[in-house]
Amino acid sequence: MDRYRAHNWHCFGEPGRTPYAALYTTLGCPYHCSFCCIQAPFKSGDHEAGYKASVNSYRFWSPKRVLDELTLLVERYGVRHVKLADELFVLNARHVNAVCDGIVERGLDLNIWAYARVDSVKDVMIDKLARAGVRWLAFGIEAASGKVRADVDKDFADELLYDVLGKVRAAGIHVIGNYIFGLPEDDQASMQKTLDLALELNCEFANFYCTMAYPGSALYERAVAEGWALPETWGGYSQHSVDTLPLPTRHLSAGEVLRFRDQAFQTYFQSPDYLRAVERRFGPAVREEIRQMSAHRLERRHGA
């Protein structure tokens, strides 16, 4: 167990990154974002179970089973840092409330992170999440343009984004903003709008991705049908590899998307506003860690 270590941001302000563990409480996702391949491993089983091809399964472990596993991790291995690896933990209110209430009732002292959608977090959940030790929620914000989001079946009201993130952060839960550059309708102006939104929200951490047509996703099928260039090796699908090859958009080449993404990473993590916020929330040591992280630039074959 001592070989497992939490993400760096997961432990901002914490004395260490171990002991750490990850577990699932649900499998699958009922949504249909076209860039996502998470449902691909379950589709044959969905068919055997009688689901229509247009329906994604979303299955639960019982709250008791989840709580027993967490208790084992805490009592036997001293785990405090936990990743709930569910593609979408914060969705079903009954499940979320039961798990959170159980953590509080059992007195488990945890530092948890999990995934959520902007439109899946309900007000009644937020306090329970915070009391259960959920310190980080990762949100798929993806893009600032509603047109760009809608084209990949991931849309929500801009007002909801500000409202939900504000309430989550007011409860003491840190936010990771996930952003994607190079979605099919993206151009330079829309990608800049996404970066501007990231800087405005100034989340406690952010992930910047290039659009990939991952095998198993609807976007992959679309890319094959339209003859878009795809990576020739699995390494080309990796976000951080030398041979990363994202999708082109209707307006931009793959290299232009990759260059923008890599510069956006530097811009965000070197932003004075972000660095001040990090130091204020987590201390000077974390600010220095971010400075060292952003000093490194990735070697790229296609974005150079």
Protein backbone atom coordinates (compact mmCIF):
# COMPACT_ATOMS: atom_id res chain seq x y z
CA MET A 1 0.00 0.00 0.00
CA ASP A 2 2.90 2.37 0.60
CA ARG A 3 3.59 2.38 -3.16
CA TYR A 4 0.37 4.28 -3.91
CA ARG A 5 0.59 8.06 -3.87
CA ALA A 6 -2.10 10.71 -4.36
CA HIS A 7 -2.05 13.42 -7.03
CA ASN A 8 -0.01 16.47 -6.04
CA TRP A 9 -3.01 18.86 -5.95
CA HIS A 10 -5.09 16.34 -3.97
CA CYS A 11 -2.70 16.92 -1.08
CA PHE A 12 -2.09 20.65 -1.32
CA GLY A 13 -1.68 21.80 2.27
CA GLU A 14 -1.38 18.22 3.54
CA PRO A 15 1.79 16.85 5.20
CA GLY A 16 2.16 14.03 2.65
CA ARG A 17 0.63 12.11 -0.26
CA THR A 18 0.42 8.68 1.37
CA PRO A 19 -1.31 6.45 2.40
CA TYR A 20 -3.61 6.69 -0.60
CA ALA A 21 -6.24 4.50 -2.27
CA ALA A 22 -8.76 4.67 -5.10
CA LEU A 23 -12.07 2.84 -5.36
CA TYR A 24 -15.28 2.83 -7.34
CA THR A 25 -18.78 3.26 -5.92
CA THR A 26 -20.50 3.25 -9.35
CA LEU A 27 -19.69 2.14 -12.89
CA GLY A 28 -20.64 3.85 -16.11
CA CYS A 29 -22.23 7.16 -17.00
CA PRO A 30 -25.77 7.85 -18.28
CA TYR A 31 -24.69 10.86 -20.37
CA HIS A 32 -23.54 10.80 -24.01
CA CYS A 33 -20.74 13.36 -24.42
CA SER A 34 -19.38 12.45 -27.85
CA PHE A 35 -15.70 12.84 -26.90
CA CYS A 36 -15.97 10.34 -24.02
CA CYS A 37 -15.16 6.62 -24.32
CA ILE A 38 -15.93 5.63 -20.71
CA GLN A 39 -18.95 3.53 -21.69
CA ALA A 40 -17.13 1.47 -24.33
CA PRO A 41 -16.08 -1.36 -21.95
CA PHE A 42 -19.69 -1.83 -20.83
CA LYS A 43 -21.55 -1.77 -24.15
CA SER A 44 -21.49 -5.52 -24.80
CA GLY A 45 -22.79 -6.11 -21.28
CA ASP A 46 -25.44 -3.43 -21.75
CA HIS A 47 -26.60 -5.30 -24.87
CA GLU A 48 -26.74 -8.62 -23.03
CA ALA A 49 -28.72 -6.98 -20.23
CA GLY A 50 -31.32 -5.80 -22.74
CA TYR A 51 -30.47 -2.09 -22.82
CA LYS A 52 -31.19 -0.16 -26.00
CA ALA A 53 -28.06 0.94 -27.86
CA SER A 54 -28.94 4.56 -27.01
CA VAL A 55 -28.95 3.85 -23.24
CA ASN A 56 -25.87 3.78 -21.02
CA SER A 57 -25.87 1.65 -17.89
CA TYR A 58 -25.09 3.24 -14.53
CA ARG A 59 -24.60 0.68 -11.76
CA PHE A 60 -24.05 1.04 -8.02
CA TRP A 61 -22.23 -0.78 -5.30
CA SER A 62 -24.32 -0.65 -2.14
CA PRO A 63 -23.43 2.19 0.27
CA LYS A 64 -22.70 -0.43 2.94
CA ARG A 65 -20.17 -2.17 0.69
CA VAL A 66 -18.50 1.17 -0.10
CA LEU A 67 -18.39 2.14 3.58
CA ASP A 68 -16.98 -1.23 4.60
CA GLU A 69 -14.20 -0.85 2.04
CA LEU A 70 -13.41 2.68 3.24
CA THR A 71 -13.39 1.51 6.85
CA LEU A 72 -10.99 -1.30 5.96
CA LEU A 73 -8.67 1.13 4.19
CA VAL A 74 -8.67 3.51 7.15
CA GLU A 75 -8.37 0.97 9.95
CA ARG A 76 -5.98 -1.53 8.38
CA TYR A 77 -3.86 0.70 6.16
CA GLY A 78 -4.20 4.16 7.68
CA VAL A 79 -5.52 5.63 4.43
CA ARG A 80 -6.68 9.24 4.51
CA HIS A 81 -6.37 10.35 0.86
CA VAL A 82 -9.06 8.73 -1.31
CA LYS A 83 -9.99 9.04 -4.96
CA LEU A 84 -13.55 8.03 -5.81
CA ALA A 85 -12.79 6.92 -9.35
CA ASP A 86 -16.42 6.88 -10.53
CA GLU A 87 -16.85 8.65 -13.83
CA LEU A 88 -19.63 10.60 -12.13
CA PHE A 89 -19.90 10.07 -8.37
CA VAL A 90 -22.00 13.18 -7.73
CA LEU A 91 -25.16 12.26 -9.62
CA ASN A 92 -27.67 10.10 -7.74
CA ALA A 93 -28.72 11.98 -4.60
CA ARG A 94 -29.77 8.86 -2.70
CA HIS A 95 -26.42 7.16 -3.31
CA VAL A 96 -24.34 10.26 -2.61
CA ASN A 97 -26.21 11.06 0.60
CA ALA A 98 -26.01 7.49 1.88
CA VAL A 99 -22.25 7.27 1.32
CA CYS A 100 -21.60 10.70 2.81
CA ASP A 101 -23.85 10.13 5.83
CA GLY A 102 -22.15 6.79 6.45
CA ILE A 103 -18.69 8.32 6.39
CA VAL A 104 -19.76 10.86 9.00
CA GLU A 105 -21.50 8.24 11.15
CA ARG A 106 -18.42 6.00 11.13
CA GLY A 107 -16.13 8.91 11.97
CA LEU A 108 -13.81 8.34 9.01
CA ASP A 109 -11.28 11.16 8.57
CA LEU A 110 -10.78 11.40 4.82
CA ASN A 111 -9.47 13.74 2.13
CA ILE A 112 -11.57 12.74 -0.89
CA TRP A 113 -11.76 13.86 -4.48
CA ALA A 114 -14.44 12.89 -7.01
CA TYR A 115 -15.95 13.82 -10.36
CA ALA A 116 -19.11 15.89 -10.84
CA ARG A 117 -21.03 17.65 -13.59
CA VAL A 118 -22.10 21.26 -13.29
CA ASP A 119 -25.72 20.14 -13.67
CA SER A 120 -25.47 17.13 -11.33
CA VAL A 121 -24.62 18.89 -8.05
CA LYS A 122 -27.74 19.69 -6.06
CA ASP A 123 -27.78 22.14 -3.18
CA VAL A 124 -28.81 19.44 -0.67
CA MET A 125 -25.68 17.45 -1.49
CA ILE A 126 -23.04 20.12 -1.01
CA ASP A 127 -22.98 20.28 2.79
CA LYS A 128 -23.02 16.48 3.04
CA LEU A 129 -20.08 16.21 0.64
CA ALA A 130 -18.07 18.72 2.66
CA ARG A 131 -18.84 17.05 6.01
CA ALA A 132 -17.85 13.64 4.61
CA GLY A 133 -14.39 14.92 3.69
CA VAL A 134 -14.84 15.61 -0.01
CA ARG A 135 -12.20 18.30 -0.41
CA TRP A 136 -11.99 18.36 -4.20
CA LEU A 137 -14.56 18.11 -7.00
CA ALA A 138 -13.46 17.88 -10.63
CA PHE A 139 -15.87 19.48 -13.09
CA GLY A 140 -15.90 18.95 -16.85
CA ILE A 141 -16.31 22.56 -17.93
CA GLU A 142 -14.74 21.71 -21.31
CA ALA A 143 -15.31 24.96 -23.24
CA ALA A 144 -16.59 28.49 -22.72
CA SER A 145 -18.65 28.52 -25.91
CA GLY A 146 -22.11 27.01 -25.63
CA LYS A 147 -22.00 26.29 -29.38
CA VAL A 148 -18.77 24.32 -29.00
CA ARG A 149 -20.13 22.36 -26.01
CA ALA A 150 -23.45 21.61 -27.68
CA ASP A 151 -21.71 20.17 -30.72
CA VAL A 152 -20.25 17.41 -28.51
CA ASP A 153 -23.46 16.90 -26.51
CA LYS A 154 -22.13 18.60 -23.37
CA ASP A 155 -24.10 21.74 -22.68
CA PHE A 156 -25.25 23.65 -19.62
CA ALA A 157 -26.27 27.19 -18.78
CA ASP A 158 -23.38 29.57 -18.11
CA GLU A 159 -25.26 30.97 -15.11
CA LEU A 160 -25.41 27.47 -13.60
CA LEU A 161 -21.64 27.12 -13.86
CA TYR A 162 -21.00 30.22 -11.77
CA ASP A 163 -23.76 29.38 -9.31
CA VAL A 164 -22.66 25.78 -8.63
CA LEU A 165 -18.94 26.51 -8.43
CA GLY A 166 -19.63 29.40 -6.08
CA LYS A 167 -21.68 27.25 -3.72
CA VAL A 168 -19.19 24.37 -3.79
CA ARG A 169 -16.26 26.64 -2.98
CA ALA A 170 -18.23 28.46 -0.27
CA ALA A 171 -18.67 25.06 1.43
CA GLY A 172 -14.89 24.65 1.58
CA ILE A 173 -14.60 22.24 -1.36
CA HIS A 174 -11.82 22.99 -3.84
CA VAL A 175 -12.54 22.87 -7.56
CA ILE A 176 -10.60 21.36 -10.44
CA GLY A 177 -11.66 22.82 -13.76
CA ASN A 178 -11.23 20.48 -16.73
CA TYR A 179 -10.97 22.15 -20.14
CA ILE A 180 -10.66 20.77 -23.67
CA PHE A 181 -9.13 22.65 -26.60
CA GLY A 182 -9.73 21.64 -30.20
CA LEU A 183 -13.33 20.45 -30.10
CA PRO A 184 -14.76 20.25 -33.64
CA GLU A 185 -16.30 23.74 -33.63
CA ASP A 186 -13.29 25.41 -31.95
CA ASP A 187 -11.27 28.19 -33.55
CA GLN A 188 -8.62 30.47 -32.09
CA ALA A 189 -11.22 32.86 -30.70
CA SER A 190 -13.29 30.16 -28.96
CA MET A 191 -10.19 28.50 -27.48
CA GLN A 192 -9.04 31.88 -26.18
CA LYS A 193 -12.51 32.36 -24.68
CA THR A 194 -12.10 29.03 -22.86
CA LEU A 195 -8.70 30.06 -21.50
CA ASP A 196 -10.15 33.43 -20.43
CA LEU A 197 -12.93 31.59 -18.59
CA ALA A 198 -10.39 29.38 -16.83
CA LEU A 199 -8.44 32.44 -15.71
CA GLU A 200 -11.64 34.13 -14.53
CA LEU A 201 -12.84 31.11 -12.52
CA ASN A 202 -9.31 30.69 -11.11
CA CYS A 203 -10.03 27.20 -9.79
CA GLU A 204 -7.66 25.70 -7.25
CA PHE A 205 -6.34 23.44 -10.00
CA ALA A 206 -7.01 22.96 -13.71
CA ASN A 207 -6.45 20.33 -16.37
CA PHE A 208 -6.02 21.35 -19.99
CA TYR A 209 -6.59 18.72 -22.65
CA CYS A 210 -6.49 18.48 -26.41
CA THR A 211 -9.44 16.85 -28.12
CA MET A 212 -8.75 13.18 -28.85
CA ALA A 213 -11.03 10.87 -30.80
CA TYR A 214 -10.59 8.00 -28.37
CA PRO A 215 -11.57 4.60 -29.78
CA GLY A 216 -14.97 3.67 -28.40
CA SER A 217 -16.26 7.25 -28.42
CA ALA A 218 -18.83 8.70 -30.79
CA LEU A 219 -16.24 11.28 -31.79
CA TYR A 220 -13.96 8.46 -32.99
CA GLU A 221 -16.72 7.10 -35.22
CA ARG A 222 -17.28 10.62 -36.55
CA ALA A 223 -13.56 11.09 -37.21
CA VAL A 224 -13.33 7.80 -39.13
CA ALA A 225 -16.44 8.61 -41.17
CA GLU A 226 -15.12 12.06 -42.10
CA GLY A 227 -11.55 10.92 -42.73
CA TRP A 228 -9.87 13.00 -40.03
CA ALA A 229 -6.25 12.13 -39.28
CA LEU A 230 -5.85 9.87 -36.24
CA PRO A 231 -2.77 8.74 -34.28
CA GLU A 232 -0.96 5.75 -35.77
CA THR A 233 0.20 4.50 -32.35
CA TRP A 234 -1.37 4.33 -28.89
CA GLY A 235 1.24 6.86 -27.75
CA GLY A 236 -0.34 9.40 -30.05
CA TYR A 237 -3.49 9.31 -27.91
CA SER A 238 -1.58 10.22 -24.75
CA GLN A 239 -2.03 13.84 -23.73
CA HIS A 240 1.59 14.27 -22.63
CA SER A 241 3.61 12.12 -25.04
CA VAL A 242 6.13 13.36 -27.58
CA ASP A 243 3.97 12.05 -30.43
CA THR A 244 0.63 13.38 -29.13
CA LEU A 245 -1.65 13.95 -32.12
CA PRO A 246 -4.96 15.65 -31.26
CA LEU A 247 -7.83 16.09 -33.67
CA PRO A 248 -7.86 19.05 -36.01
CA THR A 249 -10.97 21.22 -35.87
CA ARG A 250 -13.02 22.64 -38.72
CA HIS A 251 -10.78 25.71 -38.50
CA LEU A 252 -7.42 24.63 -37.01
CA SER A 253 -4.72 22.05 -37.57
CA ALA A 254 -3.75 19.52 -34.91
CA GLY A 255 -0.47 21.37 -34.39
CA GLU A 256 -2.24 24.67 -33.80
CA VAL A 257 -4.49 23.06 -31.19
CA LEU A 258 -1.54 21.43 -29.42
CA ARG A 259 0.50 24.65 -29.34
CA PHE A 260 -2.44 26.55 -27.89
CA ARG A 261 -3.02 23.92 -25.21
CA ASP A 262 0.62 23.88 -24.10
CA GLN A 263 0.80 27.67 -23.92
CA ALA A 264 -2.52 27.80 -22.06
CA PHE A 265 -1.04 25.51 -19.40
CA GLN A 266 1.87 27.90 -18.88
CA THR A 267 -0.40 30.97 -18.90
CA TYR A 268 -2.72 29.54 -16.25
CA PHE A 269 -0.17 28.18 -13.82
CA GLN A 270 2.07 31.22 -14.11
CA SER A 271 -0.83 33.65 -13.66
CA PRO A 272 -0.14 36.03 -10.74
CA ASP A 273 -3.80 35.81 -9.67
CA TYR A 274 -3.63 32.03 -9.55
CA LEU A 275 -0.33 31.95 -7.68
CA ARG A 276 -1.60 34.46 -5.10
CA ALA A 277 -4.76 32.39 -4.58
CA VAL A 278 -2.76 29.18 -4.18
CA GLU A 279 -0.47 30.75 -1.61
CA ARG A 280 -3.40 32.23 0.28
CA ARG A 281 -5.24 28.88 0.45
CA PHE A 282 -2.40 26.40 0.77
CA GLY A 283 0.76 28.28 1.74
CA PRO A 284 4.05 29.32 0.10
CA ALA A 285 5.35 25.75 -0.30
CA VAL A 286 2.50 24.91 -2.69
CA ARG A 287 3.09 28.09 -4.66
CA GLU A 288 6.71 27.06 -5.10
CA GLU A 289 5.65 23.57 -6.16
CA ILE A 290 3.43 25.10 -8.85
CA ARG A 291 6.28 27.34 -9.99
CA GLN A 292 8.57 24.35 -10.39
CA MET A 293 5.87 22.36 -12.20
CA SER A 294 5.16 25.09 -14.74
CA ALA A 295 8.88 25.59 -15.42
CA HIS A 296 8.86 22.36 -17.43
CA ARG A 297 7.72 22.34 -21.03
CA LEU A 298 6.67 19.18 -22.86
CA GLU A 299 8.56 18.05 -25.93
CA ARG A 300 6.17 17.75 -28.85
CA ARG A 301 6.64 16.36 -32.36
CA HIS A 302 3.46 17.79 -33.88
CA GLY A 303 3.07 21.06 -31.99
CA ALA A 304 6.60 22.37 -32.30
